[in-house]
Amino acid sequence: MGLLTFALNVTLDGCCDHREMIADDEMLDHFTQLIGAAGAMLYGRTTYELMEQYWPAVARDEKASRADREWARKLEDMPKYVVSASRRDFPWNNSFHVEGDLLDAVIQLKERTPQGVLVGSPMLSAALERLGLIDEYHVVVHPVLAGHGPSLFQGLERSRHLDLVSTMHMTSGVTAMHYRRKEG
């Protein structure tokens, strides 16, 4: 069974609004490496729609930066599973609707994807965390104080303790941290 890995950018004060992040080549290369090792992406509808509106065109844009194009092409080829109660049609290449009970559907997806599944949708990730489904966390912290939300994992009923696996510091001041769910 593959791992379910949460991977997202966040500011120092906990904001996960994509407009507040430092989207340079080094950060995009980090995420391209993460996605390259995974077998699938899992999105909530809102995050999927943000990605769908931008990245397919970048994958075909020869004027886009190398890092943007590489990320976009990996994303284009990656199976993308979308949790949505309001939308059923997902025309972006390799996109599929997640049907049925969330717990059962995600367990089945993990079983079918031995390379693992990445999830990067804040609201969906909070729901998956409440269900105890997230195995690992890749949090990329940006040296930015946004002063607003949304923030990660709102509404958890109890705290979670994690083990630090690794850290990587980028030249922009961004720090990528890899954590694993602490057992026991």
Protein backbone atom coordinates (compact mmCIF):
# COMPACT_ATOMS: atom_id res chain seq x y z
CA MET A 1 0.00 0.00 0.00
CA GLY A 2 1.30 3.43 -0.91
CA LEU A 3 1.62 6.30 1.53
CA LEU A 4 -0.66 9.32 1.51
CA THR A 5 1.63 12.35 1.66
CA PHE A 6 0.49 15.87 2.39
CA ALA A 7 2.58 18.40 0.44
CA LEU A 8 1.93 22.13 0.52
CA ASN A 9 3.47 25.58 0.79
CA VAL A 10 2.81 27.66 3.89
CA THR A 11 3.98 31.04 5.16
CA LEU A 12 5.72 31.42 8.51
CA ASP A 13 2.44 32.48 10.11
CA GLY A 14 0.56 29.47 8.72
CA CYS A 15 -1.15 30.93 5.65
CA CYS A 16 -1.57 28.51 2.74
CA ASP A 17 -2.73 31.04 0.13
CA HIS A 18 -0.72 30.26 -3.02
CA ARG A 19 -0.43 33.96 -3.88
CA GLU A 20 1.84 34.53 -0.85
CA MET A 21 4.55 32.04 -1.83
CA ILE A 22 8.00 32.44 -3.39
CA ALA A 23 7.54 30.44 -6.60
CA ASP A 24 11.12 30.29 -7.85
CA ASP A 25 12.84 27.54 -9.83
CA GLU A 26 14.38 25.91 -6.75
CA MET A 27 10.99 25.57 -5.03
CA LEU A 28 9.33 24.29 -8.23
CA ASP A 29 12.18 21.78 -8.72
CA HIS A 30 11.55 20.50 -5.18
CA PHE A 31 7.88 19.88 -5.92
CA THR A 32 8.68 18.39 -9.33
CA GLN A 33 10.93 15.87 -7.57
CA LEU A 34 8.16 15.05 -5.07
CA ILE A 35 5.55 14.54 -7.75
CA GLY A 36 7.98 12.50 -9.83
CA ALA A 37 8.32 9.96 -7.02
CA ALA A 38 4.55 9.68 -6.43
CA GLY A 39 1.99 7.64 -8.32
CA ALA A 40 -0.97 10.04 -8.17
CA MET A 41 -2.29 13.39 -6.96
CA LEU A 42 -5.39 13.85 -4.83
CA TYR A 43 -7.21 17.19 -4.92
CA GLY A 44 -10.28 18.85 -3.57
CA ARG A 45 -12.36 20.60 -6.23
CA THR A 46 -11.19 24.14 -5.43
CA THR A 47 -7.47 23.33 -5.63
CA TYR A 48 -8.00 21.18 -8.71
CA GLU A 49 -9.75 24.07 -10.45
CA LEU A 50 -6.91 26.48 -9.57
CA MET A 51 -4.39 24.03 -11.03
CA GLU A 52 -6.56 23.19 -14.06
CA GLN A 53 -6.90 26.87 -14.99
CA TYR A 54 -3.16 27.47 -15.16
CA TRP A 55 -0.82 24.48 -15.53
CA PRO A 56 -2.08 22.70 -18.69
CA ALA A 57 -1.26 25.78 -20.78
CA VAL A 58 2.18 26.09 -19.15
CA ALA A 59 2.97 22.47 -20.08
CA ARG A 60 2.67 23.47 -23.76
CA ASP A 61 4.19 26.96 -23.51
CA GLU A 62 7.74 26.95 -24.89
CA LYS A 63 8.26 30.45 -23.46
CA ALA A 64 7.61 29.27 -19.89
CA SER A 65 10.62 28.82 -17.63
CA ARG A 66 12.30 25.41 -17.53
CA ALA A 67 11.13 24.79 -13.95
CA ASP A 68 7.54 25.81 -14.69
CA ARG A 69 7.41 23.58 -17.79
CA GLU A 70 8.93 20.57 -16.03
CA TRP A 71 6.46 20.88 -13.13
CA ALA A 72 3.53 21.39 -15.51
CA ARG A 73 4.46 18.41 -17.68
CA LYS A 74 4.84 16.10 -14.68
CA LEU A 75 1.48 17.30 -13.43
CA GLU A 76 -0.08 16.85 -16.87
CA ASP A 77 1.00 13.18 -17.00
CA MET A 78 0.18 12.38 -13.35
CA PRO A 79 -3.14 10.69 -12.52
CA LYS A 80 -5.22 13.30 -10.68
CA TYR A 81 -8.09 12.22 -8.43
CA VAL A 82 -10.63 14.85 -7.41
CA VAL A 83 -12.97 14.83 -4.42
CA SER A 84 -16.05 16.89 -5.22
CA ALA A 85 -19.73 16.76 -4.35
CA SER A 86 -20.61 19.45 -6.90
CA ARG A 87 -18.62 18.52 -9.98
CA ARG A 88 -18.30 15.20 -11.83
CA ASP A 89 -16.61 16.13 -15.12
CA PHE A 90 -12.84 16.68 -15.08
CA PRO A 91 -11.48 17.12 -18.63
CA TRP A 92 -7.84 17.83 -17.70
CA ASN A 93 -5.63 14.95 -18.87
CA ASN A 94 -5.63 11.93 -16.49
CA SER A 95 -8.25 13.38 -14.10
CA PHE A 96 -10.77 11.18 -12.30
CA HIS A 97 -13.66 11.79 -9.91
CA VAL A 98 -13.42 10.13 -6.47
CA GLU A 99 -16.69 8.32 -5.84
CA GLY A 100 -18.28 7.10 -2.61
CA ASP A 101 -17.24 7.32 1.02
CA LEU A 102 -14.03 9.37 1.43
CA LEU A 103 -12.38 6.98 3.89
CA ASP A 104 -13.00 3.90 1.74
CA ALA A 105 -12.13 5.68 -1.52
CA VAL A 106 -8.79 6.97 -0.24
CA ILE A 107 -7.83 3.63 1.30
CA GLN A 108 -8.56 1.98 -2.07
CA LEU A 109 -6.55 4.65 -3.88
CA LYS A 110 -3.58 4.05 -1.55
CA GLU A 111 -3.86 0.30 -2.15
CA ARG A 112 -3.90 0.80 -5.95
CA THR A 113 -0.97 3.23 -5.89
CA PRO A 114 2.13 1.62 -4.36
CA GLN A 115 4.30 4.66 -5.26
CA GLY A 116 2.07 6.77 -3.03
CA VAL A 117 -0.41 9.60 -3.40
CA LEU A 118 0.26 13.32 -2.86
CA VAL A 119 -2.47 15.57 -1.51
CA GLY A 120 -2.11 19.33 -1.56
CA SER A 121 -5.58 20.70 -0.91
CA PRO A 122 -5.96 22.45 2.46
CA MET A 123 -9.61 21.64 3.21
CA LEU A 124 -9.41 18.08 1.87
CA SER A 125 -6.17 17.52 3.80
CA ALA A 126 -7.83 18.57 7.05
CA ALA A 127 -10.63 16.05 6.41
CA LEU A 128 -8.09 13.32 5.59
CA GLU A 129 -6.12 14.13 8.74
CA ARG A 130 -9.27 13.84 10.86
CA LEU A 131 -9.74 10.37 9.32
CA GLY A 132 -6.15 9.43 10.20
CA LEU A 133 -5.19 8.82 6.56
CA ILE A 134 -2.13 11.06 6.11
CA ASP A 135 1.14 9.19 6.57
CA GLU A 136 3.73 11.84 5.73
CA TYR A 137 3.94 15.62 5.47
CA HIS A 138 6.09 17.75 3.15
CA VAL A 139 5.66 21.31 4.35
CA VAL A 140 7.52 24.06 2.53
CA VAL A 141 7.74 27.12 4.77
CA HIS A 142 8.21 30.51 3.11
CA PRO A 143 9.82 33.46 4.93
CA VAL A 144 6.64 35.50 4.62
CA LEU A 145 4.19 36.82 7.21
CA ALA A 146 0.90 36.95 5.31
CA GLY A 147 -1.30 38.21 8.11
CA HIS A 148 -4.31 36.29 6.81
CA GLY A 149 -5.58 32.79 6.11
CA PRO A 150 -6.52 30.21 5.17
CA SER A 151 -4.35 28.12 7.45
CA LEU A 152 -3.62 24.41 7.62
CA PHE A 153 -5.54 21.70 9.44
CA GLN A 154 -8.22 23.90 10.96
CA GLY A 155 -10.65 22.06 13.20
CA LEU A 156 -8.52 19.13 14.33
CA GLU A 157 -9.96 17.57 17.46
CA ARG A 158 -6.56 16.65 18.92
CA SER A 159 -2.92 17.39 18.28
CA ARG A 160 -0.73 15.15 16.13
CA HIS A 161 2.91 14.42 16.87
CA LEU A 162 5.29 13.96 13.97
CA ASP A 163 8.87 12.78 13.49
CA LEU A 164 11.19 14.99 11.45
CA VAL A 165 12.70 13.01 8.56
CA SER A 166 14.67 15.75 6.78
CA THR A 167 15.00 19.46 6.08
CA MET A 168 16.29 21.36 3.07
CA HIS A 169 17.09 25.06 3.00
CA MET A 170 16.72 26.95 -0.28
CA THR A 171 18.56 30.08 -1.33
CA SER A 172 15.34 32.16 -1.18
CA GLY A 173 15.02 31.44 2.55
CA VAL A 174 12.37 28.78 1.97
CA THR A 175 12.73 25.65 4.12
CA ALA A 176 11.32 22.29 3.01
CA MET A 177 10.55 19.92 5.87
CA HIS A 178 9.60 16.25 5.63
CA TYR A 179 7.74 14.73 8.58
CA ARG A 180 6.28 11.30 9.22
CA ARG A 181 3.33 10.46 11.45
CA LYS A 182 4.67 9.40 14.85
CA GLU A 183 3.51 5.92 15.71
CA GLY A 184 2.18 5.11 19.13
